[in-house]
Structures are given as structure tokens and as C-alpha cells.
Amino acid sequence: MSDPPYEPTGAQPAPQNPQKRRHIFRWFFLVVQILFLVWIIAGVANTEDCSGLVGQDLDACEAGTAVGTGIGVGLIIALWAAVDVILGITWLVFRKR
């Protein structure tokens, strides 16, 4: 019968760094937040040009622009919240304790 291979006492394999995964997720989360923030800023800044219009046409153009911008920003915020919930659940499922 052969003896098991010699393993010196106290020698353990080098532990993998569990903090590294957490940092990767944290940076990914921050990048996603920055992208959504940039998307909202770009959506608010990109408004329709109502120059050259007068009277009711100007009022209608400004109102339509305001309503459209509000709806667009609301949809972006709803998508942002959904993505954050999905990322949060993913983090809870895959975190190691």
C-alpha cells in the first residue's frame, strides 16, 4: 500500500481574494449609474428648437417639448430603477458568505 503524498503541516494553498469580485461588481454598478445619469442629462439637454414660431404655435411647441421631455425622463428613471433592482438581486444571489 502506498502512502499519501507528503503535505507539510501549515502549508495551505494561497487563498483567492474574495474582495476582488466585490470590487468588480461595485465598479460595474457605479459605471451603470453614471451611464444612466449621462442619459438623463442628454435627454433633458436635447430639446426641440421652437425658434421662428409665434403665438399658439410657439405655445404648442414649448408644451409638447416639455411633455415629451418629462415622459422620456420618467421612462429612463423607471428603467434605471428596474436595472438597479435586477443588479441588487443579482448581487444578493451571487455574493459569498
PDB file of N, CA and C in Angstrom:
ATOM      1  N   MET A   1       0.823  -1.162   0.000  1.00  0.00           N
ATOM      2  CA  MET A   1       0.000   0.000   0.000  1.00  0.00           C
ATOM      3  C   MET A   1       0.883   1.247   0.000  1.00  0.00           C
ATOM      4  N   SER A   2       0.529   2.211  -0.821  1.00  0.00           N
ATOM      5  CA  SER A   2       1.376   3.403  -0.896  1.00  0.00           C
ATOM      6  C   SER A   2       0.875   4.469   0.074  1.00  0.00           C
ATOM      7  N   ASP A   3       1.823   5.221   0.565  1.00  0.00           N
ATOM      8  CA  ASP A   3       1.489   6.301   1.484  1.00  0.00           C
ATOM      9  C   ASP A   3       0.964   7.501   0.697  1.00  0.00           C
ATOM     10  N   PRO A   4       0.087   8.311   1.329  1.00  0.00           N
ATOM     11  CA  PRO A   4      -0.375   9.523   0.643  1.00  0.00           C
ATOM     12  C   PRO A   4       0.787  10.500   0.484  1.00  0.00           C
ATOM     13  N   PRO A   5       0.701  11.363  -0.505  1.00  0.00           N
ATOM     14  CA  PRO A   5       1.810  12.307  -0.707  1.00  0.00           C
ATOM     15  C   PRO A   5       2.032  13.165   0.534  1.00  0.00           C
ATOM     16  N   TYR A   6       3.298  13.522   0.706  1.00  0.00           N
ATOM     17  CA  TYR A   6       3.685  14.312   1.869  1.00  0.00           C
ATOM     18  C   TYR A   6       3.152  15.736   1.732  1.00  0.00           C
ATOM     19  N   GLU A   7       2.448  16.194   2.776  1.00  0.00           N
ATOM     20  CA  GLU A   7       1.973  17.574   2.821  1.00  0.00           C
ATOM     21  C   GLU A   7       2.472  18.179   4.120  1.00  0.00           C
ATOM     22  N   PRO A   8       3.303  19.197   4.015  1.00  0.00           N
ATOM     23  CA  PRO A   8       3.810  19.804   5.239  1.00  0.00           C
ATOM     24  C   PRO A   8       2.677  20.472   6.014  1.00  0.00           C
ATOM     25  N   THR A   9       2.802  20.379   7.348  1.00  0.00           N
ATOM     26  CA  THR A   9       1.758  20.989   8.171  1.00  0.00           C
ATOM     27  C   THR A   9       1.841  22.509   8.057  1.00  0.00           C
ATOM     28  N   GLY A  10       0.686  23.137   8.062  1.00  0.00           N
ATOM     29  CA  GLY A  10       0.653  24.601   7.990  1.00  0.00           C
ATOM     30  C   GLY A  10       0.674  25.135   6.572  1.00  0.00           C
ATOM     31  N   ALA A  11       1.002  24.290   5.617  1.00  0.00           N
ATOM     32  CA  ALA A  11       1.019  24.762   4.229  1.00  0.00           C
ATOM     33  C   ALA A  11      -0.399  24.692   3.682  1.00  0.00           C
ATOM     34  N   GLN A  12      -0.875  25.819   3.246  1.00  0.00           N
ATOM     35  CA  GLN A  12      -2.212  25.889   2.679  1.00  0.00           C
ATOM     36  C   GLN A  12      -2.120  26.572   1.319  1.00  0.00           C
ATOM     37  N   PRO A  13      -3.012  26.215   0.425  1.00  0.00           N
ATOM     38  CA  PRO A  13      -2.974  26.913  -0.860  1.00  0.00           C
ATOM     39  C   PRO A  13      -3.271  28.393  -0.667  1.00  0.00           C
ATOM     40  N   ALA A  14      -2.725  29.180  -1.554  1.00  0.00           N
ATOM     41  CA  ALA A  14      -2.928  30.621  -1.458  1.00  0.00           C
ATOM     42  C   ALA A  14      -4.412  30.933  -1.617  1.00  0.00           C
ATOM     43  N   PRO A  15      -5.005  31.650  -0.658  1.00  0.00           N
ATOM     44  CA  PRO A  15      -6.432  31.936  -0.751  1.00  0.00           C
ATOM     45  C   PRO A  15      -6.711  32.918  -1.901  1.00  0.00           C
ATOM     46  N   GLN A  16      -7.796  32.646  -2.575  1.00  0.00           N
ATOM     47  CA  GLN A  16      -8.190  33.591  -3.616  1.00  0.00           C
ATOM     48  C   GLN A  16      -8.780  34.814  -2.938  1.00  0.00           C
ATOM     49  N   ASN A  17      -8.638  35.946  -3.580  1.00  0.00           N
ATOM     50  CA  ASN A  17      -9.081  37.199  -2.983  1.00  0.00           C
ATOM     51  C   ASN A  17     -10.581  37.387  -3.222  1.00  0.00           C
ATOM     52  N   PRO A  18     -11.428  37.170  -2.211  1.00  0.00           N
ATOM     53  CA  PRO A  18     -12.865  37.340  -2.415  1.00  0.00           C
ATOM     54  C   PRO A  18     -13.251  38.808  -2.568  1.00  0.00           C
ATOM     55  N   GLN A  19     -12.415  39.716  -2.104  1.00  0.00           N
ATOM     56  CA  GLN A  19     -12.712  41.143  -2.223  1.00  0.00           C
ATOM     57  C   GLN A  19     -12.672  41.607  -3.670  1.00  0.00           C
ATOM     58  N   LYS A  20     -11.904  40.937  -4.511  1.00  0.00           N
ATOM     59  CA  LYS A  20     -11.755  41.362  -5.886  1.00  0.00           C
ATOM     60  C   LYS A  20     -13.091  41.312  -6.622  1.00  0.00           C
ATOM     61  N   ARG A  21     -13.867  40.245  -6.433  1.00  0.00           N
ATOM     62  CA  ARG A  21     -15.174  40.144  -7.083  1.00  0.00           C
ATOM     63  C   ARG A  21     -16.086  41.263  -6.617  1.00  0.00           C
ATOM     64  N   ARG A  22     -16.034  41.564  -5.352  1.00  0.00           N
ATOM     65  CA  ARG A  22     -16.888  42.611  -4.800  1.00  0.00           C
ATOM     66  C   ARG A  22     -16.516  43.968  -5.400  1.00  0.00           C
ATOM     67  N   HIS A  23     -15.223  44.200  -5.577  1.00  0.00           N
ATOM     68  CA  HIS A  23     -14.800  45.470  -6.159  1.00  0.00           C
ATOM     69  C   HIS A  23     -15.209  45.563  -7.627  1.00  0.00           C
ATOM     70  N   ILE A  24     -15.142  44.457  -8.340  1.00  0.00           N
ATOM     71  CA  ILE A  24     -15.551  44.471  -9.746  1.00  0.00           C
ATOM     72  C   ILE A  24     -17.030  44.808  -9.842  1.00  0.00           C
ATOM     73  N   PHE A  25     -17.841  44.190  -8.997  1.00  0.00           N
ATOM     74  CA  PHE A  25     -19.263  44.482  -9.023  1.00  0.00           C
ATOM     75  C   PHE A  25     -19.531  45.938  -8.647  1.00  0.00           C
ATOM     76  N   ARG A  26     -18.826  46.435  -7.659  1.00  0.00           N
ATOM     77  CA  ARG A  26     -19.017  47.823  -7.227  1.00  0.00           C
ATOM     78  C   ARG A  26     -18.697  48.785  -8.365  1.00  0.00           C
ATOM     79  N   TRP A  27     -17.603  48.552  -9.068  1.00  0.00           N
ATOM     80  CA  TRP A  27     -17.242  49.434 -10.184  1.00  0.00           C
ATOM     81  C   TRP A  27     -18.235  49.308 -11.327  1.00  0.00           C
ATOM     82  N   PHE A  28     -18.695  48.087 -11.600  1.00  0.00           N
ATOM     83  CA  PHE A  28     -19.709  47.892 -12.638  1.00  0.00           C
ATOM     84  C   PHE A  28     -20.986  48.640 -12.269  1.00  0.00           C
ATOM     85  N   PHE A  29     -21.398  48.552 -11.013  1.00  0.00           N
ATOM     86  CA  PHE A  29     -22.590  49.255 -10.546  1.00  0.00           C
ATOM     87  C   PHE A  29     -22.433  50.765 -10.711  1.00  0.00           C
ATOM     88  N   LEU A  30     -21.281  51.290 -10.345  1.00  0.00           N
ATOM     89  CA  LEU A  30     -21.048  52.730 -10.485  1.00  0.00           C
ATOM     90  C   LEU A  30     -21.043  53.162 -11.950  1.00  0.00           C
ATOM     91  N   VAL A  31     -20.479  52.368 -12.834  1.00  0.00           N
ATOM     92  CA  VAL A  31     -20.480  52.687 -14.265  1.00  0.00           C
ATOM     93  C   VAL A  31     -21.911  52.724 -14.796  1.00  0.00           C
ATOM     94  N   VAL A  32     -22.736  51.771 -14.374  1.00  0.00           N
ATOM     95  CA  VAL A  32     -24.137  51.758 -14.810  1.00  0.00           C
ATOM     96  C   VAL A  32     -24.851  53.017 -14.322  1.00  0.00           C
ATOM     97  N   GLN A  33     -24.589  53.423 -13.077  1.00  0.00           N
ATOM     98  CA  GLN A  33     -25.229  54.628 -12.545  1.00  0.00           C
ATOM     99  C   GLN A  33     -24.805  55.870 -13.327  1.00  0.00           C
ATOM    100  N   ILE A  34     -23.529  55.957 -13.657  1.00  0.00           N
ATOM    101  CA  ILE A  34     -23.027  57.107 -14.419  1.00  0.00           C
ATOM    102  C   ILE A  34     -23.636  57.134 -15.815  1.00  0.00           C
ATOM    103  N   LEU A  35     -23.765  55.968 -16.447  1.00  0.00           N
ATOM    104  CA  LEU A  35     -24.373  55.919 -17.782  1.00  0.00           C
ATOM    105  C   LEU A  35     -25.827  56.398 -17.754  1.00  0.00           C
ATOM    106  N   PHE A  36     -26.582  55.976 -16.755  1.00  0.00           N
ATOM    107  CA  PHE A  36     -27.969  56.431 -16.664  1.00  0.00           C
ATOM    108  C   PHE A  36     -28.032  57.932 -16.384  1.00  0.00           C
ATOM    109  N   LEU A  37     -27.141  58.439 -15.550  1.00  0.00           N
ATOM    110  CA  LEU A  37     -27.114  59.872 -15.269  1.00  0.00           C
ATOM    111  C   LEU A  37     -26.795  60.670 -16.524  1.00  0.00           C
ATOM    112  N   VAL A  38     -25.825  60.209 -17.303  1.00  0.00           N
ATOM    113  CA  VAL A  38     -25.479  60.877 -18.566  1.00  0.00           C
ATOM    114  C   VAL A  38     -26.660  60.818 -19.533  1.00  0.00           C
ATOM    115  N   TRP A  39     -27.360  59.695 -19.561  1.00  0.00           N
ATOM    116  CA  TRP A  39     -28.516  59.535 -20.445  1.00  0.00           C
ATOM    117  C   TRP A  39     -29.614  60.538 -20.081  1.00  0.00           C
ATOM    118  N   ILE A  40     -29.861  60.737 -18.784  1.00  0.00           N
ATOM    119  CA  ILE A  40     -30.882  61.705 -18.367  1.00  0.00           C
ATOM    120  C   ILE A  40     -30.451  63.122 -18.717  1.00  0.00           C
ATOM    121  N   ILE A  41     -29.206  63.459 -18.470  1.00  0.00           N
ATOM    122  CA  ILE A  41     -28.716  64.807 -18.791  1.00  0.00           C
ATOM    123  C   ILE A  41     -28.821  65.060 -20.290  1.00  0.00           C
ATOM    124  N   ALA A  42     -28.442  64.076 -21.094  1.00  0.00           N
ATOM    125  CA  ALA A  42     -28.531  64.225 -22.548  1.00  0.00           C
ATOM    126  C   ALA A  42     -29.982  64.346 -22.994  1.00  0.00           C
ATOM    127  N   GLY A  43     -30.889  63.606 -22.361  1.00  0.00           N
ATOM    128  CA  GLY A  43     -32.299  63.681 -22.718  1.00  0.00           C
ATOM    129  C   GLY A  43     -32.917  65.015 -22.389  1.00  0.00           C
ATOM    130  N   VAL A  44     -32.526  65.596 -21.266  1.00  0.00           N
ATOM    131  CA  VAL A  44     -33.053  66.912 -20.883  1.00  0.00           C
ATOM    132  C   VAL A  44     -32.441  67.996 -21.753  1.00  0.00           C
ATOM    133  N   ALA A  45     -31.174  67.866 -22.091  1.00  0.00           N
ATOM    134  CA  ALA A  45     -30.487  68.901 -22.873  1.00  0.00           C
ATOM    135  C   ALA A  45     -30.900  68.886 -24.340  1.00  0.00           C
ATOM    136  N   ASN A  46     -31.355  67.745 -24.839  1.00  0.00           N
ATOM    137  CA  ASN A  46     -31.710  67.625 -26.255  1.00  0.00           C
ATOM    138  C   ASN A  46     -33.191  67.977 -26.431  1.00  0.00           C
ATOM    139  N   THR A  47     -33.473  69.270 -26.516  1.00  0.00           N
ATOM    140  CA  THR A  47     -34.856  69.724 -26.667  1.00  0.00           C
ATOM    141  C   THR A  47     -35.075  70.230 -28.078  1.00  0.00           C
ATOM    142  N   GLU A  48     -36.346  70.234 -28.486  1.00  0.00           N
ATOM    143  CA  GLU A  48     -36.698  70.683 -29.822  1.00  0.00           C
ATOM    144  C   GLU A  48     -36.536  72.197 -29.918  1.00  0.00           C
ATOM    145  N   ASP A  49     -36.100  72.655 -31.066  1.00  0.00           N
ATOM    146  CA  ASP A  49     -35.912  74.084 -31.302  1.00  0.00           C
ATOM    147  C   ASP A  49     -37.237  74.691 -31.762  1.00  0.00           C
ATOM    148  N   CYS A  50     -37.764  75.602 -30.969  1.00  0.00           N
ATOM    149  CA  CYS A  50     -39.043  76.246 -31.288  1.00  0.00           C
ATOM    150  C   CYS A  50     -38.833  77.653 -31.831  1.00  0.00           C
ATOM    151  N   SER A  51     -37.613  77.969 -32.244  1.00  0.00           N
ATOM    152  CA  SER A  51     -37.365  79.318 -32.750  1.00  0.00           C
ATOM    153  C   SER A  51     -38.089  79.525 -34.083  1.00  0.00           C
ATOM    154  N   GLY A  52     -38.532  80.732 -34.306  1.00  0.00           N
ATOM    155  CA  GLY A  52     -39.243  81.064 -35.538  1.00  0.00           C
ATOM    156  C   GLY A  52     -40.742  80.874 -35.422  1.00  0.00           C
ATOM    157  N   LEU A  53     -41.192  80.328 -34.305  1.00  0.00           N
ATOM    158  CA  LEU A  53     -42.626  80.149 -34.108  1.00  0.00           C
ATOM    159  C   LEU A  53     -43.169  81.269 -33.236  1.00  0.00           C
ATOM    160  N   VAL A  54     -44.413  81.631 -33.471  1.00  0.00           N
ATOM    161  CA  VAL A  54     -45.045  82.700 -32.677  1.00  0.00           C
ATOM    162  C   VAL A  54     -46.450  82.260 -32.302  1.00  0.00           C
ATOM    163  N   GLY A  55     -46.967  82.904 -31.275  1.00  0.00           N
ATOM    164  CA  GLY A  55     -48.352  82.697 -30.883  1.00  0.00           C
ATOM    165  C   GLY A  55     -48.625  81.288 -30.393  1.00  0.00           C
ATOM    166  N   GLN A  56     -49.743  80.741 -30.899  1.00  0.00           N
ATOM    167  CA  GLN A  56     -50.167  79.413 -30.454  1.00  0.00           C
ATOM    168  C   GLN A  56     -49.199  78.313 -30.884  1.00  0.00           C
ATOM    169  N   ASP A  57     -48.576  78.519 -32.026  1.00  0.00           N
ATOM    170  CA  ASP A  57     -47.595  77.524 -32.478  1.00  0.00           C
ATOM    171  C   ASP A  57     -46.425  77.421 -31.502  1.00  0.00           C
ATOM    172  N   LEU A  58     -45.957  78.570 -31.014  1.00  0.00           N
ATOM    173  CA  LEU A  58     -44.859  78.587 -30.038  1.00  0.00           C
ATOM    174  C   LEU A  58     -45.305  77.925 -28.740  1.00  0.00           C
ATOM    175  N   ASP A  59     -46.506  78.257 -28.278  1.00  0.00           N
ATOM    176  CA  ASP A  59     -47.012  77.658 -27.036  1.00  0.00           C
ATOM    177  C   ASP A  59     -47.140  76.139 -27.173  1.00  0.00           C
ATOM    178  N   ALA A  60     -47.671  75.703 -28.310  1.00  0.00           N
ATOM    179  CA  ALA A  60     -47.838  74.267 -28.538  1.00  0.00           C
ATOM    180  C   ALA A  60     -46.484  73.560 -28.621  1.00  0.00           C
ATOM    181  N   CYS A  61     -45.531  74.185 -29.278  1.00  0.00           N
ATOM    182  CA  CYS A  61     -44.197  73.584 -29.410  1.00  0.00           C
ATOM    183  C   CYS A  61     -43.523  73.471 -28.050  1.00  0.00           C
ATOM    184  N   GLU A  62     -43.593  74.521 -27.245  1.00  0.00           N
ATOM    185  CA  GLU A  62     -42.971  74.501 -25.917  1.00  0.00           C
ATOM    186  C   GLU A  62     -43.658  73.487 -25.007  1.00  0.00           C
ATOM    187  N   ALA A  63     -44.991  73.408 -25.071  1.00  0.00           N
ATOM    188  CA  ALA A  63     -45.721  72.452 -24.244  1.00  0.00           C
ATOM    189  C   ALA A  63     -45.399  71.019 -24.668  1.00  0.00           C
ATOM    190  N   GLY A  64     -45.376  70.789 -25.962  1.00  0.00           N
ATOM    191  CA  GLY A  64     -45.050  69.444 -26.453  1.00  0.00           C
ATOM    192  C   GLY A  64     -43.643  69.028 -26.083  1.00  0.00           C
ATOM    193  N   THR A  65     -42.717  69.976 -26.156  1.00  0.00           N
ATOM    194  CA  THR A  65     -41.337  69.682 -25.784  1.00  0.00           C
ATOM    195  C   THR A  65     -41.244  69.343 -24.302  1.00  0.00           C
ATOM    196  N   ALA A  66     -41.931  70.116 -23.466  1.00  0.00           N
ATOM    197  CA  ALA A  66     -41.895  69.868 -22.020  1.00  0.00           C
ATOM    198  C   ALA A  66     -42.524  68.521 -21.680  1.00  0.00           C
ATOM    199  N   VAL A  67     -43.665  68.210 -22.291  1.00  0.00           N
ATOM    200  CA  VAL A  67     -44.336  66.939 -22.008  1.00  0.00           C
ATOM    201  C   VAL A  67     -43.483  65.773 -22.501  1.00  0.00           C
ATOM    202  N   GLY A  68     -42.952  65.880 -23.702  1.00  0.00           N
ATOM    203  CA  GLY A  68     -42.118  64.812 -24.253  1.00  0.00           C
ATOM    204  C   GLY A  68     -40.873  64.574 -23.433  1.00  0.00           C
ATOM    205  N   THR A  69     -40.248  65.662 -22.975  1.00  0.00           N
ATOM    206  CA  THR A  69     -39.059  65.523 -22.140  1.00  0.00           C
ATOM    207  C   THR A  69     -39.412  64.867 -20.808  1.00  0.00           C
ATOM    208  N   GLY A  70     -40.533  65.266 -20.230  1.00  0.00           N
ATOM    209  CA  GLY A  70     -40.966  64.681 -18.960  1.00  0.00           C
ATOM    210  C   GLY A  70     -41.246  63.194 -19.083  1.00  0.00           C
ATOM    211  N   ILE A  71     -41.935  62.803 -20.150  1.00  0.00           N
ATOM    212  CA  ILE A  71     -42.221  61.382 -20.368  1.00  0.00           C
ATOM    213  C   ILE A  71     -40.925  60.604 -20.586  1.00  0.00           C
ATOM    214  N   GLY A  72     -40.034  61.163 -21.385  1.00  0.00           N
ATOM    215  CA  GLY A  72     -38.762  60.486 -21.652  1.00  0.00           C
ATOM    216  C   GLY A  72     -37.927  60.305 -20.400  1.00  0.00           C
ATOM    217  N   VAL A  73     -37.821  61.352 -19.592  1.00  0.00           N
ATOM    218  CA  VAL A  73     -37.043  61.260 -18.360  1.00  0.00           C
ATOM    219  C   VAL A  73     -37.708  60.282 -17.394  1.00  0.00           C
ATOM    220  N   GLY A  74     -39.027  60.277 -17.341  1.00  0.00           N
ATOM    221  CA  GLY A  74     -39.731  59.324 -16.483  1.00  0.00           C
ATOM    222  C   GLY A  74     -39.468  57.881 -16.883  1.00  0.00           C
ATOM    223  N   LEU A  75     -39.463  57.615 -18.185  1.00  0.00           N
ATOM    224  CA  LEU A  75     -39.168  56.259 -18.655  1.00  0.00           C
ATOM    225  C   LEU A  75     -37.726  55.857 -18.347  1.00  0.00           C
ATOM    226  N   ILE A  76     -36.806  56.795 -18.503  1.00  0.00           N
ATOM    227  CA  ILE A  76     -35.404  56.495 -18.185  1.00  0.00           C
ATOM    228  C   ILE A  76     -35.254  56.187 -16.695  1.00  0.00           C
ATOM    229  N   ILE A  77     -35.921  56.960 -15.838  1.00  0.00           N
ATOM    230  CA  ILE A  77     -35.836  56.721 -14.396  1.00  0.00           C
ATOM    231  C   ILE A  77     -36.457  55.376 -14.037  1.00  0.00           C
ATOM    232  N   ALA A  78     -37.583  55.021 -14.676  1.00  0.00           N
ATOM    233  CA  ALA A  78     -38.204  53.714 -14.415  1.00  0.00           C
ATOM    234  C   ALA A  78     -37.271  52.582 -14.835  1.00  0.00           C
ATOM    235  N   LEU A  79     -36.635  52.714 -15.991  1.00  0.00           N
ATOM    236  CA  LEU A  79     -35.679  51.701 -16.444  1.00  0.00           C
ATOM    237  C   LEU A  79     -34.475  51.635 -15.515  1.00  0.00           C
ATOM    238  N   TRP A  80     -34.018  52.792 -15.056  1.00  0.00           N
ATOM    239  CA  TRP A  80     -32.895  52.875 -14.119  1.00  0.00           C
ATOM    240  C   TRP A  80     -33.231  52.112 -12.836  1.00  0.00           C
ATOM    241  N   ALA A  81     -34.430  52.346 -12.300  1.00  0.00           N
ATOM    242  CA  ALA A  81     -34.832  51.660 -11.071  1.00  0.00           C
ATOM    243  C   ALA A  81     -34.925  50.146 -11.301  1.00  0.00           C
ATOM    244  N   ALA A  82     -35.467  49.732 -12.436  1.00  0.00           N
ATOM    245  CA  ALA A  82     -35.576  48.300 -12.732  1.00  0.00           C
ATOM    246  C   ALA A  82     -34.198  47.659 -12.828  1.00  0.00           C
ATOM    247  N   VAL A  83     -33.269  48.325 -13.493  1.00  0.00           N
ATOM    248  CA  VAL A  83     -31.908  47.787 -13.619  1.00  0.00           C
ATOM    249  C   VAL A  83     -31.245  47.713 -12.248  1.00  0.00           C
ATOM    250  N   ASP A  84     -31.458  48.712 -11.397  1.00  0.00           N
ATOM    251  CA  ASP A  84     -30.871  48.672 -10.060  1.00  0.00           C
ATOM    252  C   ASP A  84     -31.441  47.523  -9.231  1.00  0.00           C
ATOM    253  N   VAL A  85     -32.740  47.264  -9.356  1.00  0.00           N
ATOM    254  CA  VAL A  85     -33.337  46.143  -8.637  1.00  0.00           C
ATOM    255  C   VAL A  85     -32.742  44.829  -9.137  1.00  0.00           C
ATOM    256  N   ILE A  86     -32.615  44.691 -10.450  1.00  0.00           N
ATOM    257  CA  ILE A  86     -32.031  43.469 -11.016  1.00  0.00           C
ATOM    258  C   ILE A  86     -30.586  43.293 -10.553  1.00  0.00           C
ATOM    259  N   LEU A  87     -29.809  44.367 -10.566  1.00  0.00           N
ATOM    260  CA  LEU A  87     -28.419  44.277 -10.097  1.00  0.00           C
ATOM    261  C   LEU A  87     -28.364  43.943  -8.610  1.00  0.00           C
ATOM    262  N   GLY A  88     -29.260  44.515  -7.818  1.00  0.00           N
ATOM    263  CA  GLY A  88     -29.289  44.223  -6.389  1.00  0.00           C
ATOM    264  C   GLY A  88     -29.624  42.777  -6.103  1.00  0.00           C
ATOM    265  N   ILE A  89     -30.622  42.245  -6.798  1.00  0.00           N
ATOM    266  CA  ILE A  89     -30.982  40.836  -6.612  1.00  0.00           C
ATOM    267  C   ILE A  89     -29.835  39.938  -7.064  1.00  0.00           C
ATOM    268  N   THR A  90     -29.199  40.287  -8.175  1.00  0.00           N
ATOM    269  CA  THR A  90     -28.059  39.505  -8.658  1.00  0.00           C
ATOM    270  C   THR A  90     -26.939  39.498  -7.628  1.00  0.00           C
ATOM    271  N   TRP A  91     -26.679  40.646  -7.024  1.00  0.00           N
ATOM    272  CA  TRP A  91     -25.634  40.731  -6.006  1.00  0.00           C
ATOM    273  C   TRP A  91     -25.998  39.855  -4.805  1.00  0.00           C
ATOM    274  N   LEU A  92     -27.269  39.890  -4.389  1.00  0.00           N
ATOM    275  CA  LEU A  92     -27.680  39.079  -3.237  1.00  0.00           C
ATOM    276  C   LEU A  92     -27.564  37.589  -3.517  1.00  0.00           C
ATOM    277  N   VAL A  93     -27.862  37.177  -4.752  1.00  0.00           N
ATOM    278  CA  VAL A  93     -27.805  35.766  -5.111  1.00  0.00           C
ATOM    279  C   VAL A  93     -26.365  35.271  -5.188  1.00  0.00           C
ATOM    280  N   PHE A  94     -25.488  36.054  -5.771  1.00  0.00           N
ATOM    281  CA  PHE A  94     -24.141  35.574  -6.048  1.00  0.00           C
ATOM    282  C   PHE A  94     -23.088  35.965  -5.033  1.00  0.00           C
ATOM    283  N   ARG A  95     -23.441  36.703  -4.004  1.00  0.00           N
ATOM    284  CA  ARG A  95     -22.422  37.060  -3.010  1.00  0.00           C
ATOM    285  C   ARG A  95     -22.053  35.845  -2.197  1.00  0.00           C
ATOM    286  N   LYS A  96     -20.829  35.820  -1.749  1.00  0.00           N
ATOM    287  CA  LYS A  96     -20.347  34.676  -0.970  1.00  0.00           C
ATOM    288  C   LYS A  96     -20.216  35.100   0.484  1.00  0.00           C
ATOM    289  N   ARG A  97     -20.642  34.210   1.338  1.00  0.00           N
ATOM    290  CA  ARG A  97     -20.524  34.473   2.775  1.00  0.00           C
ATOM    291  C   ARG A  97     -19.763  33.366   3.410  1.00  0.00           C
TER     292      ARG A  97
END
